[in-house]
C-alpha atoms as a PDB file:
ATOM      1  CA  MET A   1    -110.614  -9.118  63.257  1.00  0.00           C
ATOM      2  CA  ALA A   2    -110.379  -9.528  67.034  1.00  0.00           C
ATOM      3  CA  ARG A   3    -113.378 -11.013  68.819  1.00  0.00           C
ATOM      4  CA  ILE A   4    -113.839  -7.708  70.654  1.00  0.00           C
ATOM      5  CA  ALA A   5    -112.957  -4.136  69.697  1.00  0.00           C
ATOM      6  CA  TYR A   6    -109.839  -3.061  71.524  1.00  0.00           C
ATOM      7  CA  ASP A   7    -110.760   0.592  71.912  1.00  0.00           C
ATOM      8  CA  SER A   8    -109.567   3.037  74.576  1.00  0.00           C
ATOM      9  CA  VAL A   9    -111.992   1.633  77.178  1.00  0.00           C
ATOM     10  CA  ASN A  10    -110.784  -1.929  76.710  1.00  0.00           C
ATOM     11  CA  ALA A  11    -107.149  -0.857  76.624  1.00  0.00           C
ATOM     12  CA  ALA A  12    -107.514   1.113  79.865  1.00  0.00           C
ATOM     13  CA  ALA A  13    -109.208  -1.852  81.581  1.00  0.00           C
ATOM     14  CA  TYR A  14    -106.526  -4.228  80.358  1.00  0.00           C
ATOM     15  CA  GLU A  15    -103.770  -1.903  81.560  1.00  0.00           C
ATOM     16  CA  ALA A  16    -105.414  -1.544  84.971  1.00  0.00           C
ATOM     17  CA  THR A  17    -106.138  -5.202  85.705  1.00  0.00           C
ATOM     18  CA  ARG A  18    -104.212  -7.654  83.516  1.00  0.00           C
ATOM     19  CA  HIS A  19    -100.598  -6.867  84.430  1.00  0.00           C
ATOM     20  CA  LEU A  20     -99.187  -9.516  86.765  1.00  0.00           C
ATOM     21  CA  THR A  21     -96.322  -9.055  89.215  1.00  0.00           C
ATOM     22  CA  ASP A  22     -92.895 -10.591  88.698  1.00  0.00           C
ATOM     23  CA  ASP A  23     -93.570 -12.839  91.699  1.00  0.00           C
ATOM     24  CA  GLY A  24     -96.855 -13.904  90.138  1.00  0.00           C
ATOM     25  CA  LEU A  25     -95.032 -14.730  86.921  1.00  0.00           C
ATOM     26  CA  ALA A  26     -92.161 -16.698  88.460  1.00  0.00           C
ATOM     27  CA  ALA A  27     -93.201 -20.021  86.919  1.00  0.00           C
ATOM     28  CA  TRP A  28     -93.701 -18.353  83.542  1.00  0.00           C
ATOM     29  CA  ARG A  29     -90.220 -16.888  83.681  1.00  0.00           C
ATOM     30  CA  GLU A  30     -88.767 -20.332  84.372  1.00  0.00           C
ATOM     31  CA  ALA A  31     -90.744 -22.009  81.563  1.00  0.00           C
ATOM     32  CA  ILE A  32     -90.060 -19.295  78.993  1.00  0.00           C
ATOM     33  CA  THR A  33     -86.352 -19.246  79.830  1.00  0.00           C
ATOM     34  CA  ARG A  34     -86.154 -23.009  79.403  1.00  0.00           C
ATOM     35  CA  HIS A  35     -87.725 -22.996  75.947  1.00  0.00           C
ATOM     36  CA  LEU A  36     -86.332 -19.665  74.736  1.00  0.00           C
ATOM     37  CA  GLY A  37     -82.685 -20.042  75.685  1.00  0.00           C
ATOM     38  CA  PRO A  38     -82.168 -16.269  75.999  1.00  0.00           C
ATOM     39  CA  ARG A  39     -78.792 -14.813  75.106  1.00  0.00           C
ATOM     40  CA  PRO A  40     -77.443 -11.365  74.315  1.00  0.00           C
ATOM     41  CA  GLY A  41     -78.339 -10.395  70.762  1.00  0.00           C
ATOM     42  CA  LEU A  42     -81.400 -12.665  70.551  1.00  0.00           C
ATOM     43  CA  ARG A  43     -84.282 -10.905  68.787  1.00  0.00           C
ATOM     44  CA  LEU A  44     -87.736 -11.723  70.201  1.00  0.00           C
ATOM     45  CA  LEU A  45     -91.017 -10.722  68.557  1.00  0.00           C
ATOM     46  CA  ASP A  46     -93.897 -10.053  70.980  1.00  0.00           C
ATOM     47  CA  LEU A  47     -96.815 -10.447  68.554  1.00  0.00           C
ATOM     48  CA  GLY A  48    -100.011  -8.919  69.884  1.00  0.00           C
ATOM     49  CA  SER A  49     -98.100  -7.125  72.630  1.00  0.00           C
ATOM     50  CA  GLY A  50    -101.125  -5.291  74.046  1.00  0.00           C
ATOM     51  CA  THR A  51    -100.210  -2.838  76.770  1.00  0.00           C
ATOM     52  CA  GLY A  52     -96.637  -4.073  76.867  1.00  0.00           C
ATOM     53  CA  SER A  53     -96.362  -6.026  80.110  1.00  0.00           C
ATOM     54  CA  TRP A  54     -94.674  -9.045  78.523  1.00  0.00           C
ATOM     55  CA  ALA A  55     -92.304  -6.963  76.391  1.00  0.00           C
ATOM     56  CA  GLN A  56     -91.345  -5.018  79.514  1.00  0.00           C
ATOM     57  CA  ALA A  57     -90.854  -8.246  81.482  1.00  0.00           C
ATOM     58  CA  PHE A  58     -88.628  -9.750  78.789  1.00  0.00           C
ATOM     59  CA  THR A  59     -86.492  -6.608  78.743  1.00  0.00           C
ATOM     60  CA  SER A  60     -86.108  -6.794  82.526  1.00  0.00           C
ATOM     61  CA  TRP A  61     -85.493 -10.546  82.665  1.00  0.00           C
ATOM     62  CA  TYR A  62     -83.121 -10.855  79.726  1.00  0.00           C
ATOM     63  CA  PRO A  63     -80.552  -8.056  79.381  1.00  0.00           C
ATOM     64  CA  GLY A  64     -79.176  -7.918  75.867  1.00  0.00           C
ATOM     65  CA  VAL A  65     -82.278  -9.453  74.274  1.00  0.00           C
ATOM     66  CA  GLU A  66     -83.942  -7.197  71.689  1.00  0.00           C
ATOM     67  CA  VAL A  67     -87.734  -7.193  72.021  1.00  0.00           C
ATOM     68  CA  VAL A  68     -89.804  -6.150  69.007  1.00  0.00           C
ATOM     69  CA  ALA A  69     -93.416  -5.335  69.930  1.00  0.00           C
ATOM     70  CA  VAL A  70     -96.239  -5.469  67.367  1.00  0.00           C
ATOM     71  CA  ASP A  71     -99.962  -4.903  67.971  1.00  0.00           C
ATOM     72  CA  PRO A  72    -102.924  -4.099  65.684  1.00  0.00           C
ATOM     73  CA  SER A  73    -104.794  -1.888  68.162  1.00  0.00           C
ATOM     74  CA  GLU A  74    -104.004   1.823  68.155  1.00  0.00           C
ATOM     75  CA  ALA A  75    -105.477   2.100  71.658  1.00  0.00           C
ATOM     76  CA  MET A  76    -103.271  -0.688  72.976  1.00  0.00           C
ATOM     77  CA  ARG A  77    -100.182   0.772  71.341  1.00  0.00           C
ATOM     78  CA  ALA A  78    -100.912   4.154  72.925  1.00  0.00           C
ATOM     79  CA  ARG A  79    -101.280   2.565  76.378  1.00  0.00           C
ATOM     80  CA  SER A  80     -98.228   0.328  76.114  1.00  0.00           C
ATOM     81  CA  MET A  81     -95.662   0.563  78.906  1.00  0.00           C
ATOM     82  CA  TYR A  82     -93.123  -0.680  76.359  1.00  0.00           C
ATOM     83  CA  GLN A  83     -92.190   1.462  73.384  1.00  0.00           C
ATOM     84  CA  PRO A  84     -91.943   1.507  70.455  1.00  0.00           C
ATOM     85  CA  VAL A  85     -94.800  -0.705  69.290  1.00  0.00           C
ATOM     86  CA  ALA A  86     -95.300  -1.213  65.561  1.00  0.00           C
ATOM     87  CA  PRO A  87     -98.737  -1.666  63.962  1.00  0.00           C
ATOM     88  CA  GLY A  88     -99.329  -5.141  62.582  1.00  0.00           C
ATOM     89  CA  ASP A  89    -101.008  -8.455  63.291  1.00  0.00           C
ATOM     90  CA  ALA A  90    -100.431 -12.194  63.007  1.00  0.00           C
ATOM     91  CA  THR A  91    -101.016 -12.187  59.256  1.00  0.00           C
ATOM     92  CA  HIS A  92     -99.138  -8.938  58.532  1.00  0.00           C
ATOM     93  CA  VAL A  93     -95.920  -8.638  60.539  1.00  0.00           C
ATOM     94  CA  PRO A  94     -93.840  -5.575  59.577  1.00  0.00           C
ATOM     95  CA  LEU A  95     -90.507  -7.429  59.684  1.00  0.00           C
ATOM     96  CA  ASP A  96     -88.133  -8.947  57.152  1.00  0.00           C
ATOM     97  CA  ASP A  97     -87.954 -12.647  56.355  1.00  0.00           C
ATOM     98  CA  HIS A  98     -86.073 -14.785  58.912  1.00  0.00           C
ATOM     99  CA  SER A  99     -85.333 -11.746  61.064  1.00  0.00           C
ATOM    100  CA  VAL A 100     -86.289 -12.959  64.574  1.00  0.00           C
ATOM    101  CA  ASP A 101     -84.992 -15.699  66.859  1.00  0.00           C
ATOM    102  CA  ALA A 102     -88.300 -16.353  68.672  1.00  0.00           C
ATOM    103  CA  VAL A 103     -91.959 -15.334  68.612  1.00  0.00           C
ATOM    104  CA  TRP A 104     -94.142 -14.872  71.699  1.00  0.00           C
ATOM    105  CA  ILE A 105     -97.959 -14.820  71.390  1.00  0.00           C
ATOM    106  CA  SER A 106     -99.839 -14.367  74.673  1.00  0.00           C
ATOM    107  CA  THR A 107    -103.655 -14.647  74.973  1.00  0.00           C
ATOM    108  CA  VAL A 108    -104.011 -13.605  71.339  1.00  0.00           C
ATOM    109  CA  ILE A 109    -104.373 -16.793  69.298  1.00  0.00           C
ATOM    110  CA  HIS A 110    -108.173 -16.829  69.734  1.00  0.00           C
ATOM    111  CA  HIS A 111    -108.343 -13.440  68.007  1.00  0.00           C
ATOM    112  CA  VAL A 112    -106.624 -14.728  64.861  1.00  0.00           C
ATOM    113  CA  PRO A 113    -109.297 -15.444  62.206  1.00  0.00           C
ATOM    114  CA  ASP A 114    -107.005 -17.361  59.847  1.00  0.00           C
ATOM    115  CA  LEU A 115    -104.595 -19.624  61.696  1.00  0.00           C
ATOM    116  CA  ALA A 116    -103.112 -21.017  58.489  1.00  0.00           C
ATOM    117  CA  ALA A 117    -102.219 -17.530  57.243  1.00  0.00           C
ATOM    118  CA  ALA A 118    -100.768 -16.658  60.638  1.00  0.00           C
ATOM    119  CA  ALA A 119     -98.677 -19.821  60.593  1.00  0.00           C
ATOM    120  CA  ARG A 120     -97.210 -18.904  57.214  1.00  0.00           C
ATOM    121  CA  GLU A 121     -96.430 -15.379  58.371  1.00  0.00           C
ATOM    122  CA  VAL A 122     -94.790 -16.501  61.607  1.00  0.00           C
ATOM    123  CA  ARG A 123     -92.771 -19.049  59.646  1.00  0.00           C
ATOM    124  CA  ARG A 124     -91.675 -16.249  57.297  1.00  0.00           C
ATOM    125  CA  VAL A 125     -90.243 -13.999  60.016  1.00  0.00           C
ATOM    126  CA  LEU A 126     -88.732 -16.766  62.188  1.00  0.00           C
ATOM    127  CA  ARG A 127     -85.232 -18.031  61.601  1.00  0.00           C
ATOM    128  CA  PRO A 128     -85.056 -21.776  60.860  1.00  0.00           C
ATOM    129  CA  GLY A 129     -85.462 -23.918  63.967  1.00  0.00           C
ATOM    130  CA  ALA A 130     -86.441 -20.966  66.159  1.00  0.00           C
ATOM    131  CA  PRO A 131     -89.286 -21.356  68.678  1.00  0.00           C
ATOM    132  CA  LEU A 132     -92.817 -20.019  68.672  1.00  0.00           C
ATOM    133  CA  LEU A 133     -94.211 -19.795  72.217  1.00  0.00           C
ATOM    134  CA  ILE A 134     -98.002 -19.505  72.529  1.00  0.00           C
ATOM    135  CA  ARG A 135     -99.546 -18.719  75.927  1.00  0.00           C
ATOM    136  CA  SER A 136    -103.297 -19.237  75.924  1.00  0.00           C
ATOM    137  CA  ALA A 137    -106.466 -20.657  77.342  1.00  0.00           C
ATOM    138  CA  PHE A 138    -107.430 -23.263  74.756  1.00  0.00           C
ATOM    139  CA  ALA A 139    -110.816 -24.814  74.032  1.00  0.00           C
ATOM    140  CA  GLY A 140    -111.624 -27.690  76.361  1.00  0.00           C
ATOM    141  CA  ARG A 141    -108.973 -26.722  78.925  1.00  0.00           C
ATOM    142  CA  HIS A 142    -110.726 -24.496  81.466  1.00  0.00           C
ATOM    143  CA  GLN A 143    -110.388 -26.564  84.629  1.00  0.00           C
ATOM    144  CA  ALA A 144    -107.344 -24.764  86.050  1.00  0.00           C
ATOM    145  CA  ILE A 145    -108.665 -21.221  85.522  1.00  0.00           C
ATOM    146  CA  THR A 146    -110.518 -19.660  88.458  1.00  0.00           C
ATOM    147  CA  LEU A 147    -112.705 -17.387  86.349  1.00  0.00           C
ATOM    148  CA  PHE A 148    -114.744 -20.320  85.063  1.00  0.00           C
ATOM    149  CA  ARG A 149    -115.772 -21.430  88.563  1.00  0.00           C
ATOM    150  CA  TYR A 150    -117.811 -18.264  88.951  1.00  0.00           C
ATOM    151  CA  PHE A 151    -118.670 -17.615  85.296  1.00  0.00           C
ATOM    152  CA  PRO A 152    -119.449 -21.140  84.027  1.00  0.00           C
ATOM    153  CA  GLU A 153    -121.317 -19.668  81.063  1.00  0.00           C
ATOM    154  CA  ALA A 154    -117.942 -18.463  79.774  1.00  0.00           C
ATOM    155  CA  VAL A 155    -116.902 -22.080  79.162  1.00  0.00           C
ATOM    156  CA  ARG A 156    -119.176 -22.026  76.109  1.00  0.00           C
ATOM    157  CA  VAL A 157    -117.198 -19.049  74.800  1.00  0.00           C
ATOM    158  CA  LEU A 158    -113.867 -20.717  75.513  1.00  0.00           C
ATOM    159  CA  ASP A 159    -114.990 -23.745  73.556  1.00  0.00           C
ATOM    160  CA  THR A 160    -115.270 -21.550  70.447  1.00  0.00           C
ATOM    161  CA  TYR A 161    -111.548 -20.762  70.793  1.00  0.00           C
ATOM    162  CA  PRO A 162    -108.963 -22.838  68.926  1.00  0.00           C
ATOM    163  CA  SER A 163    -107.969 -26.059  70.649  1.00  0.00           C
ATOM    164  CA  VAL A 164    -104.364 -27.159  71.034  1.00  0.00           C
ATOM    165  CA  ALA A 165    -104.971 -29.616  68.181  1.00  0.00           C
ATOM    166  CA  ASP A 166    -106.414 -26.850  65.970  1.00  0.00           C
ATOM    167  CA  VAL A 167    -103.292 -24.747  66.408  1.00  0.00           C
ATOM    168  CA  GLU A 168    -100.947 -27.683  65.941  1.00  0.00           C
ATOM    169  CA  THR A 169    -102.692 -28.690  62.712  1.00  0.00           C
ATOM    170  CA  ALA A 170    -102.685 -25.186  61.242  1.00  0.00           C
ATOM    171  CA  PHE A 171     -99.028 -24.588  62.068  1.00  0.00           C
ATOM    172  CA  ALA A 172     -97.943 -28.058  60.953  1.00  0.00           C
ATOM    173  CA  ALA A 173     -99.003 -27.076  57.443  1.00  0.00           C
ATOM    174  CA  ALA A 174     -96.379 -24.309  57.613  1.00  0.00           C
ATOM    175  CA  GLY A 175     -93.687 -26.724  58.766  1.00  0.00           C
ATOM    176  CA  PHE A 176     -93.962 -26.401  62.550  1.00  0.00           C
ATOM    177  CA  THR A 177     -93.775 -29.357  64.921  1.00  0.00           C
ATOM    178  CA  THR A 178     -94.767 -29.433  68.580  1.00  0.00           C
ATOM    179  CA  ALA A 179     -91.851 -29.207  70.982  1.00  0.00           C
ATOM    180  CA  ALA A 180     -93.856 -28.964  74.211  1.00  0.00           C
ATOM    181  CA  CYS A 181     -97.272 -28.305  75.688  1.00  0.00           C
ATOM    182  CA  GLU A 182     -97.445 -27.670  79.408  1.00  0.00           C
ATOM    183  CA  GLN A 183     -99.597 -25.929  81.984  1.00  0.00           C
ATOM    184  CA  VAL A 184     -97.863 -23.068  83.756  1.00  0.00           C
ATOM    185  CA  PRO A 185     -99.203 -21.667  87.051  1.00  0.00           C
ATOM    186  CA  GLN A 186     -99.427 -17.980  87.857  1.00  0.00           C
ATOM    187  CA  THR A 187    -100.604 -15.925  90.820  1.00  0.00           C
ATOM    188  CA  THR A 188    -103.371 -13.916  89.208  1.00  0.00           C
ATOM    189  CA  ALA A 189    -104.399 -12.067  92.383  1.00  0.00           C
ATOM    190  CA  ALA A 190    -103.289 -11.945  96.000  1.00  0.00           C
ATOM    191  CA  SER A 191    -106.785 -12.956  97.108  1.00  0.00           C
ATOM    192  CA  LEU A 192    -110.233 -13.666  95.748  1.00  0.00           C
ATOM    193  CA  HIS A 193    -111.333 -10.380  97.330  1.00  0.00           C
ATOM    194  CA  GLU A 194    -108.737  -8.550  95.252  1.00  0.00           C
ATOM    195  CA  ALA A 195    -109.875 -10.413  92.136  1.00  0.00           C
ATOM    196  CA  ALA A 196    -113.498  -9.478  92.805  1.00  0.00           C
ATOM    197  CA  THR A 197    -112.876  -5.826  93.511  1.00  0.00           C
ATOM    198  CA  THR A 198    -110.543  -5.237  90.567  1.00  0.00           C
ATOM    199  CA  LEU A 199    -112.398  -7.295  87.946  1.00  0.00           C
ATOM    200  CA  ARG A 200    -113.319  -5.300  84.847  1.00  0.00           C
ATOM    201  CA  ARG A 201    -115.433  -6.971  82.218  1.00  0.00           C
ATOM    202  CA  GLU A 202    -113.853  -4.885  79.465  1.00  0.00           C
ATOM    203  CA  ALA A 203    -110.505  -6.592  80.060  1.00  0.00           C
ATOM    204  CA  HIS A 204    -111.767 -10.123  79.387  1.00  0.00           C
ATOM    205  CA  THR A 205    -112.941 -11.340  75.993  1.00  0.00           C
ATOM    206  CA  LEU A 206    -114.679 -14.283  77.659  1.00  0.00           C
ATOM    207  CA  LEU A 207    -116.789 -11.989  79.847  1.00  0.00           C
ATOM    208  CA  HIS A 208    -117.575  -9.642  76.963  1.00  0.00           C
ATOM    209  CA  LEU A 209    -119.192 -12.491  75.092  1.00  0.00           C
ATOM    210  CA  ILE A 210    -121.586 -13.772  77.748  1.00  0.00           C
ATOM    211  CA  SER A 211    -124.934 -12.110  78.446  1.00  0.00           C
ATOM    212  CA  ASP A 212    -125.349  -9.243  80.899  1.00  0.00           C
ATOM    213  CA  ASP A 213    -127.468 -11.489  83.140  1.00  0.00           C
ATOM    214  CA  ASP A 214    -124.834 -14.232  83.131  1.00  0.00           C
ATOM    215  CA  TYR A 215    -122.138 -11.694  83.938  1.00  0.00           C
ATOM    216  CA  ALA A 216    -124.141 -10.246  86.841  1.00  0.00           C
ATOM    217  CA  ALA A 217    -124.810 -13.718  88.247  1.00  0.00           C
ATOM    218  CA  GLY A 218    -121.154 -14.680  87.992  1.00  0.00           C
ATOM    219  CA  LEU A 219    -120.015 -11.471  89.651  1.00  0.00           C
ATOM    220  CA  ALA A 220    -122.412 -12.119  92.535  1.00  0.00           C
ATOM    221  CA  ARG A 221    -121.004 -15.651  92.936  1.00  0.00           C
ATOM    222  CA  LEU A 222    -117.453 -14.304  92.925  1.00  0.00           C
ATOM    223  CA  ARG A 223    -118.219 -11.637  95.526  1.00  0.00           C
ATOM    224  CA  ARG A 224    -119.916 -14.150  97.844  1.00  0.00           C
ATOM    225  CA  ALA A 225    -116.972 -16.518  97.583  1.00  0.00           C
ATOM    226  CA  ALA A 226    -114.512 -13.688  98.234  1.00  0.00           C
ATOM    227  CA  MET A 227    -116.083 -13.143 101.664  1.00  0.00           C
ATOM    228  CA  VAL A 228    -114.809 -16.521 102.907  1.00  0.00           C
ATOM    229  CA  ASP A 229    -111.941 -17.533 100.601  1.00  0.00           C
ATOM    230  CA  THR A 230    -108.819 -15.587 101.595  1.00  0.00           C
ATOM    231  CA  GLY A 231    -106.107 -17.491  99.721  1.00  0.00           C
ATOM    232  CA  PRO A 232    -104.289 -16.314  96.602  1.00  0.00           C
ATOM    233  CA  VAL A 233    -105.800 -16.898  93.173  1.00  0.00           C
ATOM    234  CA  ILE A 234    -103.611 -19.409  91.329  1.00  0.00           C
ATOM    235  CA  ASP A 235    -104.450 -20.107  87.691  1.00  0.00           C
ATOM    236  CA  SER A 236    -102.737 -22.212  85.055  1.00  0.00           C
ATOM    237  CA  LEU A 237    -102.670 -21.403  81.345  1.00  0.00           C
ATOM    238  CA  ASP A 238    -101.091 -23.491  78.627  1.00  0.00           C
ATOM    239  CA  LEU A 239     -97.745 -22.891  76.998  1.00  0.00           C
ATOM    240  CA  LEU A 240     -97.578 -24.448  73.537  1.00  0.00           C
ATOM    241  CA  VAL A 241     -94.098 -24.437  71.992  1.00  0.00           C
ATOM    242  CA  LEU A 242     -93.689 -25.053  68.258  1.00  0.00           C
ATOM    243  CA  ARG A 243     -90.553 -25.137  66.154  1.00  0.00           C
END
């Protein structure tokens, strides 16, 4: 089960606040292209596709690439800007053996309760030698993410997430080896003011799992900082590539 319930409220908040612009994703496009090697006819599984922003981006970036979207949440599937989206999760993918050329998992790995089972299932659907690309905030790696400056209590939640080593170990048992692990920057918001005014707790697992008092204190810190800090919000998440 996911750490939070992705109902219609969460899905609406995610749709409203978690979609980044193409300009904001420029470094991600470069990194993904380098590791994916897109080509016409390539079949890419977006596993845990949410409201479809990545599937839509891949379709725009890579003409001729077939994107297969899968998500366990009915509310997310209904809100997805990319269609169709099949029901399924990391341990139950509704695809044939060795039927995809790459798998993309973005900010989902912390919701997977059994990493070993997920590793076996991803290995089943991937063609031999094909890449698995995991975009995530991992335990112990919060320093480059703006959110934690204002909600330091959320670091304790992040540290319950899988670490890079946890994921590598679980997937190694299914025959995966690490091809790369790198931090990739993104423009999360045009300004701290924009980040403060558009923030919705329902769209962030980390903020769901701190107390109401800690959330209120963090929001107050963020709003005070937004009065003087006018620069863009640049965050870096990790890209872990396994083969």
